[in-house]
Protein backbone atom coordinates (compact mmCIF):
# COMPACT_ATOMS: atom_id res chain seq x y z
CA UNK A 1 204.44 170.97 93.99
CA UNK A 2 203.41 174.40 95.15
CA UNK A 3 206.84 174.96 96.62
CA UNK A 4 208.76 178.16 96.96
CA UNK A 5 212.19 178.57 98.52
CA UNK A 6 213.20 181.27 100.97
CA UNK A 7 216.79 181.92 102.00
CA UNK A 8 217.84 181.75 105.62
CA UNK A 9 220.56 183.68 107.47
CA UNK A 10 223.24 181.32 106.13
CA UNK A 11 223.47 181.91 102.37
CA UNK A 12 223.65 178.18 101.61
CA UNK A 13 220.55 177.14 103.62
CA UNK A 14 217.06 177.29 102.13
CA UNK A 15 213.54 176.51 103.24
CA UNK A 16 211.24 174.62 100.89
CA UNK A 17 207.61 175.45 101.55
CA UNK A 18 204.51 173.61 100.36
CA UNK A 19 201.36 175.74 100.39
CA UNK A 20 203.17 178.25 102.57
CA UNK A 21 204.08 175.62 105.17
CA UNK A 22 207.68 174.59 105.83
CA UNK A 23 208.36 171.19 104.30
CA UNK A 24 212.11 170.93 104.77
CA UNK A 25 215.34 172.87 105.06
CA UNK A 26 218.20 172.02 102.68
CA UNK A 27 221.67 173.29 101.88
CA UNK A 28 222.90 174.26 98.45
CA UNK A 29 225.28 171.27 98.51
CA UNK A 30 222.35 168.89 99.08
CA UNK A 31 220.43 170.33 96.13
CA UNK A 32 223.57 170.11 94.01
CA UNK A 33 223.91 166.44 95.00
CA UNK A 34 220.29 165.85 93.95
CA UNK A 35 220.95 167.55 90.61
CA UNK A 36 224.03 165.43 89.94
CA UNK A 37 222.15 162.23 90.80
CA UNK A 38 219.28 163.15 88.48
CA UNK A 39 221.79 163.98 85.74
CA UNK A 40 223.36 160.52 86.04
CA UNK A 41 219.97 158.84 85.77
CA UNK A 42 218.28 160.95 83.10
CA UNK A 43 221.01 162.88 81.30
CA UNK A 44 221.97 166.55 81.36
CA UNK A 45 219.75 167.46 78.40
CA UNK A 46 216.60 166.56 80.38
CA UNK A 47 217.36 168.69 83.43
CA UNK A 48 216.71 172.42 83.85
CA UNK A 49 219.61 174.80 84.51
CA UNK A 50 221.13 174.60 88.00
CA UNK A 51 222.84 177.66 89.58
CA UNK A 52 226.61 177.10 89.48
CA UNK A 53 229.04 177.04 92.39
CA UNK A 54 230.76 180.25 93.41
CA UNK A 55 234.40 180.45 94.53
CA UNK A 56 233.85 183.44 96.81
CA UNK A 57 231.21 184.43 99.37
CA UNK A 58 227.96 185.58 97.87
CA UNK A 59 226.75 189.16 98.12
CA UNK A 60 223.16 189.72 99.36
CA UNK A 61 222.07 190.29 95.75
CA UNK A 62 223.70 187.02 94.67
CA UNK A 63 222.05 185.18 97.56
CA UNK A 64 218.63 186.33 96.35
CA UNK A 65 219.50 185.52 92.75
CA UNK A 66 220.54 181.97 93.71
CA UNK A 67 217.35 181.55 95.74
CA UNK A 68 215.24 182.53 92.74
CA UNK A 69 217.21 180.18 90.47
CA UNK A 70 216.79 177.28 92.91
CA UNK A 71 213.08 177.97 93.22
CA UNK A 72 212.67 177.83 89.44
CA UNK A 73 214.79 174.69 89.31
CA UNK A 74 212.69 172.84 91.92
CA UNK A 75 209.45 173.91 90.26
CA UNK A 76 210.69 172.82 86.84
CA UNK A 77 211.79 169.40 88.12
CA UNK A 78 208.50 168.88 89.95
CA UNK A 79 206.43 169.80 86.90
CA UNK A 80 208.37 167.50 84.59
CA UNK A 81 206.39 164.22 84.29
CA UNK A 82 209.55 162.11 84.30
CA UNK A 83 211.66 163.92 86.89
CA UNK A 84 208.83 164.95 89.21
CA UNK A 85 207.61 161.37 89.59
CA UNK A 86 211.07 159.88 90.02
CA UNK A 87 211.90 158.06 93.24
CA UNK A 88 215.20 159.95 93.39
CA UNK A 89 213.47 163.32 93.60
CA UNK A 90 210.67 162.26 95.92
CA UNK A 91 212.83 160.27 98.33
CA UNK A 92 215.19 163.26 98.59
CA UNK A 93 212.31 165.47 99.74
CA UNK A 94 210.99 162.82 102.14
CA UNK A 95 214.39 162.36 103.80
CA UNK A 96 214.86 166.12 104.03
CA UNK A 97 211.40 166.50 105.58
CA UNK A 98 212.10 163.91 108.27
CA UNK A 99 215.53 165.35 109.05
CA UNK A 100 214.28 168.94 109.21
CA UNK A 101 211.38 168.12 111.52
CA UNK A 102 213.68 165.86 113.58
CA UNK A 103 211.17 163.02 113.76
CA UNK A 104 212.79 159.64 114.51
CA UNK A 105 211.59 156.55 112.64
CA UNK A 106 209.21 154.66 114.91
CA UNK A 107 205.79 153.04 114.84
CA UNK A 108 202.89 155.34 115.67
CA UNK A 109 199.10 155.39 115.55
CA UNK A 110 197.77 157.79 112.94
CA UNK A 111 194.17 159.00 112.81
CA UNK A 112 192.59 159.27 109.36
CA UNK A 113 189.09 160.67 108.88
CA UNK A 114 186.44 159.58 106.43
CA UNK A 115 184.20 162.20 104.80
CA UNK A 116 181.45 161.54 107.34
CA UNK A 117 183.78 162.26 110.26
CA UNK A 118 184.39 158.60 111.14
CA UNK A 119 187.89 158.00 112.50
CA UNK A 120 190.14 155.23 111.25
CA UNK A 121 193.20 154.49 113.39
CA UNK A 122 196.13 152.84 111.60
CA UNK A 123 199.55 151.77 112.81
CA UNK A 124 202.26 153.18 110.55
CA UNK A 125 205.88 154.24 110.67
CA UNK A 126 206.71 157.94 110.92
CA UNK A 127 208.82 157.40 107.79
CA UNK A 128 205.95 155.89 105.77
CA UNK A 129 205.21 157.81 102.59
CA UNK A 130 201.74 158.77 101.38
CA UNK A 131 201.18 155.55 99.42
CA UNK A 132 202.13 153.44 102.46
CA UNK A 133 199.59 155.22 104.67
CA UNK A 134 196.89 155.02 101.99
CA UNK A 135 197.44 151.26 101.72
CA UNK A 136 197.29 150.90 105.52
CA UNK A 137 193.92 152.71 105.61
CA UNK A 138 192.61 150.56 102.75
CA UNK A 139 193.73 147.43 104.60
CA UNK A 140 191.99 148.56 107.79
CA UNK A 141 188.76 149.16 105.86
CA UNK A 142 189.21 145.96 103.81
CA UNK A 143 189.17 147.95 100.57
CA UNK A 144 190.54 145.78 97.73
CA UNK A 145 193.98 146.59 96.32
CA UNK A 146 192.62 147.31 92.83
CA UNK A 147 190.40 150.10 94.22
CA UNK A 148 193.08 151.93 96.22
CA UNK A 149 193.93 154.12 93.22
CA UNK A 150 190.41 155.56 93.26
CA UNK A 151 191.06 157.23 96.63
CA UNK A 152 193.58 159.72 98.01
CA UNK A 153 194.60 161.25 101.31
CA UNK A 154 194.02 164.96 101.84
CA UNK A 155 195.34 167.35 104.44
CA UNK A 156 192.36 169.25 105.84
CA UNK A 157 191.83 171.90 108.48
CA UNK A 158 188.88 171.66 110.84
CA UNK A 159 187.05 174.95 111.32
CA UNK A 160 185.35 176.16 114.48
CA UNK A 161 181.93 175.15 113.13
CA UNK A 162 183.12 171.58 112.49
CA UNK A 163 183.40 171.98 108.71
CA UNK A 164 186.61 171.06 106.90
CA UNK A 165 188.75 173.18 104.61
CA UNK A 166 190.95 171.31 102.13
CA UNK A 167 194.61 172.33 102.34
CA UNK A 168 196.09 169.97 99.77
CA UNK A 169 196.21 166.45 98.45
CA UNK A 170 199.08 164.63 100.14
CA UNK A 171 201.85 164.00 97.61
CA UNK A 172 204.36 161.22 97.07
CA UNK A 173 207.22 163.47 98.22
CA UNK A 174 205.95 163.76 101.79
CA UNK A 175 205.46 161.71 104.95
CA UNK A 176 201.84 162.13 106.14
CA UNK A 177 202.58 161.68 109.84
CA UNK A 178 205.40 164.24 109.73
CA UNK A 179 203.32 166.66 107.63
CA UNK A 180 200.56 166.71 110.24
CA UNK A 181 202.80 166.61 113.32
CA UNK A 182 204.96 169.49 112.07
CA UNK A 183 201.93 171.80 111.98
CA UNK A 184 201.58 171.40 115.77
CA UNK A 185 197.85 172.03 115.77
CA UNK A 186 194.92 169.72 116.48
CA UNK A 187 192.85 171.42 113.76
CA UNK A 188 194.84 169.75 110.97
CA UNK A 189 193.73 166.24 110.01
CA UNK A 190 194.17 163.67 107.26
CA UNK A 191 191.04 162.67 105.33
CA UNK A 192 190.32 159.85 102.86
CA UNK A 193 188.25 160.88 99.86
CA UNK A 194 187.72 159.66 96.32
CA UNK A 195 190.26 161.18 93.95
CA UNK A 196 188.64 160.93 90.52
CA UNK A 197 186.24 163.33 88.81
CA UNK A 198 184.28 161.33 86.23
CA UNK A 199 181.26 159.76 87.94
CA UNK A 200 181.39 156.91 85.39
CA UNK A 201 184.19 155.46 87.52
CA UNK A 202 181.70 155.11 90.37
CA UNK A 203 180.56 151.85 88.75
CA UNK A 204 183.93 150.22 89.45
CA UNK A 205 183.93 151.33 93.08
CA UNK A 206 180.27 150.44 93.72
CA UNK A 207 180.89 146.81 92.76
CA UNK A 208 182.63 146.39 96.11
CA UNK A 209 180.81 146.65 99.44
CA UNK A 210 183.47 148.82 101.11
CA UNK A 211 183.83 151.06 98.05
CA UNK A 212 180.05 151.50 97.91
CA UNK A 213 179.93 152.46 101.59
CA UNK A 214 182.74 154.99 101.17
CA UNK A 215 181.04 156.67 98.20
CA UNK A 216 177.69 156.65 99.98
CA UNK A 217 179.09 158.20 103.18
CA UNK A 218 180.95 160.89 101.20
CA UNK A 219 177.87 161.77 99.15
CA UNK A 220 175.60 162.08 102.18
CA UNK A 221 178.19 164.30 103.83
CA UNK A 222 178.54 166.51 100.73
CA UNK A 223 174.76 166.96 100.56
CA UNK A 224 174.56 167.84 104.24
CA UNK A 225 177.26 170.52 103.94
CA UNK A 226 175.59 172.02 100.86
CA UNK A 227 178.28 171.06 98.35
CA UNK A 228 175.80 169.10 96.21
CA UNK A 229 172.84 171.25 95.14
CA UNK A 230 169.41 169.66 95.70
CA UNK A 231 165.82 170.81 95.41
CA UNK A 232 163.25 169.99 98.09
CA UNK A 233 161.75 167.24 95.90
CA UNK A 234 165.15 165.70 95.20
CA UNK A 235 165.92 165.85 98.91
CA UNK A 236 162.69 164.00 99.68
CA UNK A 237 163.56 161.29 97.15
CA UNK A 238 167.05 160.88 98.54
CA UNK A 239 165.79 160.58 102.11
CA UNK A 240 163.28 157.95 101.00
CA UNK A 241 166.08 155.90 99.40
CA UNK A 242 168.11 156.29 102.59
CA UNK A 243 165.26 154.91 104.66
CA UNK A 244 165.10 151.90 102.33
CA UNK A 245 168.90 151.50 102.61
CA UNK A 246 169.04 151.62 98.80
CA UNK A 247 172.59 152.89 98.57
CA UNK A 248 173.17 152.27 94.88
CA UNK A 249 169.87 153.90 93.92
CA UNK A 250 170.73 156.81 96.24
CA UNK A 251 174.05 157.30 94.43
CA UNK A 252 172.43 156.98 91.00
CA UNK A 253 170.09 159.84 91.85
CA UNK A 254 172.90 161.87 93.42
CA UNK A 255 174.96 161.51 90.22
CA UNK A 256 172.32 163.56 88.39
CA UNK A 257 172.58 166.47 90.82
CA UNK A 258 174.56 169.66 90.24
CA UNK A 259 178.04 169.57 91.83
CA UNK A 260 177.98 165.85 92.57
CA UNK A 261 181.56 164.74 93.26
CA UNK A 262 182.88 168.31 93.35
CA UNK A 263 185.47 169.61 95.79
CA UNK A 264 184.44 172.92 97.31
CA UNK A 265 186.86 175.60 98.45
CA UNK A 266 186.58 178.39 100.99
CA UNK A 267 185.15 181.76 99.98
CA UNK A 268 187.72 183.83 98.11
CA UNK A 269 188.06 186.66 95.58
CA UNK A 270 188.20 186.66 91.76
CA UNK A 271 188.28 189.22 88.96
CA UNK A 272 185.21 187.54 87.48
CA UNK A 273 182.84 189.03 86.51
CA UNK A 274 184.40 192.17 88.00
CA UNK A 275 187.46 193.04 90.07
CA UNK A 276 187.53 191.90 93.73
CA UNK A 277 184.36 189.87 93.35
CA UNK A 278 183.61 187.49 96.30
CA UNK A 279 183.15 183.96 94.98
CA UNK A 280 182.98 180.34 96.10
CA UNK A 281 184.94 177.99 93.83
CA UNK A 282 184.13 174.31 93.29
CA UNK A 283 186.09 171.83 91.18
CA UNK A 284 184.57 168.82 89.44
CA UNK A 285 183.17 167.36 86.23
CA UNK A 286 186.09 168.84 84.24
CA UNK A 287 185.31 172.40 85.25
CA UNK A 288 185.78 175.15 87.81
CA UNK A 289 182.48 176.55 89.05
CA UNK A 290 182.33 180.08 90.49
CA UNK A 291 179.32 180.96 92.61
CA UNK A 292 178.88 184.67 93.24
CA UNK A 293 176.37 187.23 94.40
CA UNK A 294 176.37 190.44 92.39
CA UNK A 295 175.07 193.60 94.12
CA UNK A 296 171.28 193.64 94.10
CA UNK A 297 171.05 190.30 92.30
CA UNK A 298 170.43 186.72 93.28
CA UNK A 299 173.08 184.03 93.52
CA UNK A 300 174.77 183.36 90.17
CA UNK A 301 177.08 180.67 88.85
CA UNK A 302 179.65 180.71 86.09
CA UNK A 303 181.43 177.59 84.83
CA UNK A 304 184.87 177.36 83.24
CA UNK A 305 185.52 174.12 81.37
CA UNK A 306 188.98 172.61 81.69
CA UNK A 307 189.04 171.83 77.96
CA UNK A 308 188.79 175.57 77.24
CA UNK A 309 191.67 176.56 79.54
CA UNK A 310 194.77 176.95 77.38
CA UNK A 311 197.08 177.10 80.40
CA UNK A 312 197.20 178.20 84.02
CA UNK A 313 199.70 179.24 86.64
CA UNK A 314 199.98 179.78 90.38
CA UNK A 315 201.90 182.76 91.69
CA UNK A 316 202.79 183.69 95.26
CA UNK A 317 203.77 187.04 96.66
CA UNK A 318 204.59 188.40 100.09
CA UNK A 319 203.46 192.00 100.74
CA UNK A 320 206.28 194.26 101.90
CA UNK A 321 205.90 195.77 105.37
CA UNK A 322 205.29 199.48 105.73
CA UNK A 323 209.05 200.11 105.97
CA UNK A 324 209.46 198.81 102.42
CA UNK A 325 212.01 196.10 103.27
CA UNK A 326 211.38 192.40 103.24
CA UNK A 327 211.24 190.54 106.53
CA UNK A 328 213.71 187.66 107.03
CA UNK A 329 210.95 185.42 108.33
CA UNK A 330 207.87 184.99 106.17
CA UNK A 331 204.73 184.38 108.14
CA UNK A 332 202.33 181.86 106.68
CA UNK A 333 199.40 184.25 106.68
CA UNK A 334 201.34 186.89 104.72
CA UNK A 335 201.61 184.83 101.53
CA UNK A 336 199.17 185.83 98.79
CA UNK A 337 198.42 183.04 96.31
CA UNK A 338 196.75 183.46 92.94
CA UNK A 339 195.52 180.97 90.36
CA UNK A 340 195.27 182.49 86.89
CA UNK A 341 194.05 180.62 83.82
CA UNK A 342 193.79 181.66 80.17
CA UNK A 343 190.28 180.86 78.96
CA UNK A 344 188.71 180.57 75.52
CA UNK A 345 185.81 183.03 75.81
CA UNK A 346 184.91 182.87 72.12
CA UNK A 347 186.38 181.54 68.90
CA UNK A 348 189.14 184.13 68.65
CA UNK A 349 189.31 185.52 72.19
CA UNK A 350 191.46 184.14 74.98
CA UNK A 351 191.19 185.90 78.32
CA UNK A 352 192.97 185.53 81.66
CA UNK A 353 190.86 185.02 84.79
CA UNK A 354 192.44 185.28 88.25
CA UNK A 355 191.33 183.73 91.54
CA UNK A 356 193.03 184.91 94.74
CA UNK A 357 192.84 182.22 97.41
CA UNK A 358 195.05 180.52 100.03
CA UNK A 359 193.89 177.30 98.32
CA UNK A 360 195.16 178.34 94.86
CA UNK A 361 197.71 175.51 94.76
CA UNK A 362 195.04 172.97 95.67
CA UNK A 363 192.89 174.35 92.84
CA UNK A 364 195.82 173.95 90.45
CA UNK A 365 196.32 170.35 91.58
CA UNK A 366 192.63 169.70 90.90
CA UNK A 367 192.94 171.19 87.40
CA UNK A 368 195.96 169.02 86.64
CA UNK A 369 194.31 165.84 87.89
CA UNK A 370 191.20 166.59 85.81
CA UNK A 371 193.38 167.05 82.74
CA UNK A 372 195.29 163.85 83.52
CA UNK A 373 192.03 161.94 83.85
CA UNK A 374 190.71 163.33 80.56
CA UNK A 375 193.91 162.33 78.77
CA UNK A 376 193.82 158.81 80.23
CA UNK A 377 190.23 158.40 79.08
CA UNK A 378 191.02 159.86 75.65
CA UNK A 379 193.85 157.37 75.16
CA UNK A 380 191.57 154.49 76.10
CA UNK A 381 193.43 153.81 79.33
CA UNK A 382 192.02 152.87 82.71
CA UNK A 383 192.05 154.88 85.90
CA UNK A 384 193.21 151.70 87.64
CA UNK A 385 196.58 152.17 85.95
CA UNK A 386 196.99 155.59 87.54
CA UNK A 387 198.06 153.97 90.82
CA UNK A 388 201.76 153.18 90.63
CA UNK A 389 202.56 150.01 92.57
CA UNK A 390 206.03 149.58 94.02
CA UNK A 391 207.88 146.45 92.93
CA UNK A 392 208.33 144.15 95.88
CA UNK A 393 206.34 146.45 98.14
CA UNK A 394 204.80 144.87 101.20
CA UNK A 395 201.41 145.70 102.64
CA UNK A 396 200.97 145.47 106.40
CA UNK A 397 197.53 144.00 106.90
CA UNK A 398 195.71 144.97 110.07
CA UNK A 399 194.58 142.23 112.43
CA UNK A 400 191.06 143.64 112.47
CA UNK A 401 189.12 145.44 109.78
CA UNK A 402 186.91 148.46 110.41
CA UNK A 403 183.52 148.92 108.82
CA UNK A 404 182.38 152.20 107.29
CA UNK A 405 179.55 153.43 109.46
CA UNK A 406 176.26 154.25 107.78
CA UNK A 407 175.58 158.01 107.96
CA UNK A 408 172.41 159.35 109.66
CA UNK A 409 169.38 160.28 107.58
CA UNK A 410 169.55 163.54 105.71
CA UNK A 411 168.26 166.51 107.66
CA UNK A 412 165.72 168.92 106.21
CA UNK A 413 167.22 171.08 103.48
CA UNK A 414 168.49 174.48 104.50
CA UNK A 415 165.84 177.00 103.52
CA UNK A 416 168.46 179.74 103.28
CA UNK A 417 170.10 178.07 100.31
CA UNK A 418 168.98 179.75 97.13
CA UNK A 419 168.79 178.36 93.63
CA UNK A 420 171.42 179.70 91.28
CA UNK A 421 171.02 181.26 87.88
CA UNK A 422 173.59 180.25 85.26
CA UNK A 423 175.57 183.15 83.85
CA UNK A 424 175.62 183.39 80.08
CA UNK A 425 178.13 180.89 78.75
CA UNK A 426 179.48 183.56 76.40
CA UNK A 427 179.66 186.12 79.23
CA UNK A 428 178.74 188.78 76.70
CA UNK A 429 177.89 191.36 79.36
CA UNK A 430 180.95 190.69 81.47
CA UNK A 431 184.29 192.43 81.18
CA UNK A 432 187.25 190.47 82.49
CA UNK A 433 190.63 191.91 83.40
CA UNK A 434 193.42 190.80 81.05
CA UNK A 435 196.79 190.14 82.64
CA UNK A 436 198.94 189.49 79.61
CA UNK A 437 200.10 186.33 77.91
CA UNK A 438 202.50 183.60 79.02
CA UNK A 439 205.09 184.67 76.49
CA UNK A 440 205.35 188.15 77.99
CA UNK A 441 204.02 187.72 81.49
CA UNK A 442 205.54 184.54 82.87
CA UNK A 443 208.39 182.17 82.33
CA UNK A 444 207.66 178.78 80.80
CA UNK A 445 208.24 177.02 84.12
CA UNK A 446 205.50 179.12 85.74
CA UNK A 447 202.80 178.00 83.31
CA UNK A 448 201.02 174.65 83.18
CA UNK A 449 200.20 173.87 79.56
CA UNK A 450 196.89 172.08 79.06
CA UNK A 451 197.06 169.11 76.69
CA UNK A 452 193.29 168.70 76.94
CA UNK A 453 192.69 172.20 75.52
CA UNK A 454 190.33 172.28 72.55
CA UNK A 455 190.21 175.18 70.11
CA UNK A 456 186.49 175.36 69.35
CA UNK A 457 184.29 177.77 67.46
CA UNK A 458 181.53 180.09 68.58
CA UNK A 459 178.88 177.58 67.58
CA UNK A 460 180.21 175.22 70.25
CA UNK A 461 180.27 177.79 73.05
C-alpha cells in the first residue's frame, strides 16, 4: 500500500498517506469499526493486533505509540493477500478518500493518456474506483473485456521536458478522479500502460487490433525516450518495419531488444556498487536493472534477478529539522524512501542492497507484481485470471469508440547514448554495504517475503 499514518492535533485523527501524498483522514473510532467488521468476516485469528481503547486522555507519548501501532496494523492488513484484497478494506479507504477530499458524487470527464501522449476522454463518476475507470477507457478504445486485465492505470507526473515520471500504479482502494484532483496540479496525469512483464503474453494482446495498436504505440514511445536500448542497425530495421506498417514484425524485433517492456524510474541513489552511487533503475523481465557511471569509466549495468531476492522492504523517514524536534506537518518533499532487498550474491552469501528513491514504493509494487506473475505461470495459471471481475458489475459503453493513433516514425537515434557494459554477475570486485537481517533489523510486517526465491549454487550464478 505504501501508506504511513501521521497523527494530527486531535489525538484520535490520523492521516493516511500513499507515496507521501494524503489519501484520507480517519478517526480512531473509524479504524476500530473497520477492524471489528474484518473480524466478523474473517475471524480474530486472521487479523493483526489492533491498539486497544483507552479510558483516559492519551499522553503525547501514547499518541505516538498508537500512531505507530495503527501504521503497522494498516500495513499488515494491506499486505495480507486475503484482507488486503477484501472489498471491506478497499471500500473503507475509498469512502474515506472521497469524504476527506470533500468531492461530491457526480459525473465528470476524465482525461487518460496513452503511452504515446494521445488523450482519451471518458465520462465517469467521481466515486468510480480504479477498475471502473479502466473498464471505461477500454470501452472507449473498444478493447475486448478479456484483455482488460493486461493493462493498468498509472499515476504519472509530467516533467518540464515533456517526459513522464511514474508515481504509482493506481490501486483498488482509491478513486482515480479524486486521486488526481486532490493533487491540485496540472502536471499529474493518469496513463494507460500494459501491466505484465513476460513478453510471451504479448501474443494474446496482439491477436486483437486494439491491443496490437496499444502495444505498438507504447513500444515506439519507449524507444524514443531511450528506455529500450537499440543499436543503429536495429534502429534502421525498426524504422523500415514502421514504414511498411508491419506492426507485428516491429514488435517481434523489439522483443529481442534489451529493456523491452521495462518500466524506467528517475535517477536516484544506491549503495551499489559503492555508497551514494548515482543510478537509473529499470524494472522488467523479472529483474531490477541498475545503470550507473563509475568515476572514469563508461556506463555500466548490473542486474538483480527477482528469483534471487529473498525478501525486500520499503522504509520511510522524515529528517528532523535543525532544532531536533519533529514538525507537526510533514511536507511531501521531506520524506525519504528506501527500497532494500536481500540478494543471493553467491551460494552461501546473502547481501542487502539499498536504493534511495521517491519512487521506492512503485519499485516495490513492480517487484511484487513480477513475483505474482512468476507464481501464476509456475502454477500453470493464466494472466487472464488475474483480473477480478465484480459479480453483477455493469460496464458503461461509450457511444463512440476512439482509435489508437499510429505514432510517427522513429527519429534518428541519440548519438549521446552509450552502449553499456554488463557488470560481473558475481560482482566479485564490488563491496556492498550490509544492513542486517530481517530477524534483527525489521519487523515481519515490514518485510515482503519472496515466494519465487530460488536457493541456487555458484554454478548457476
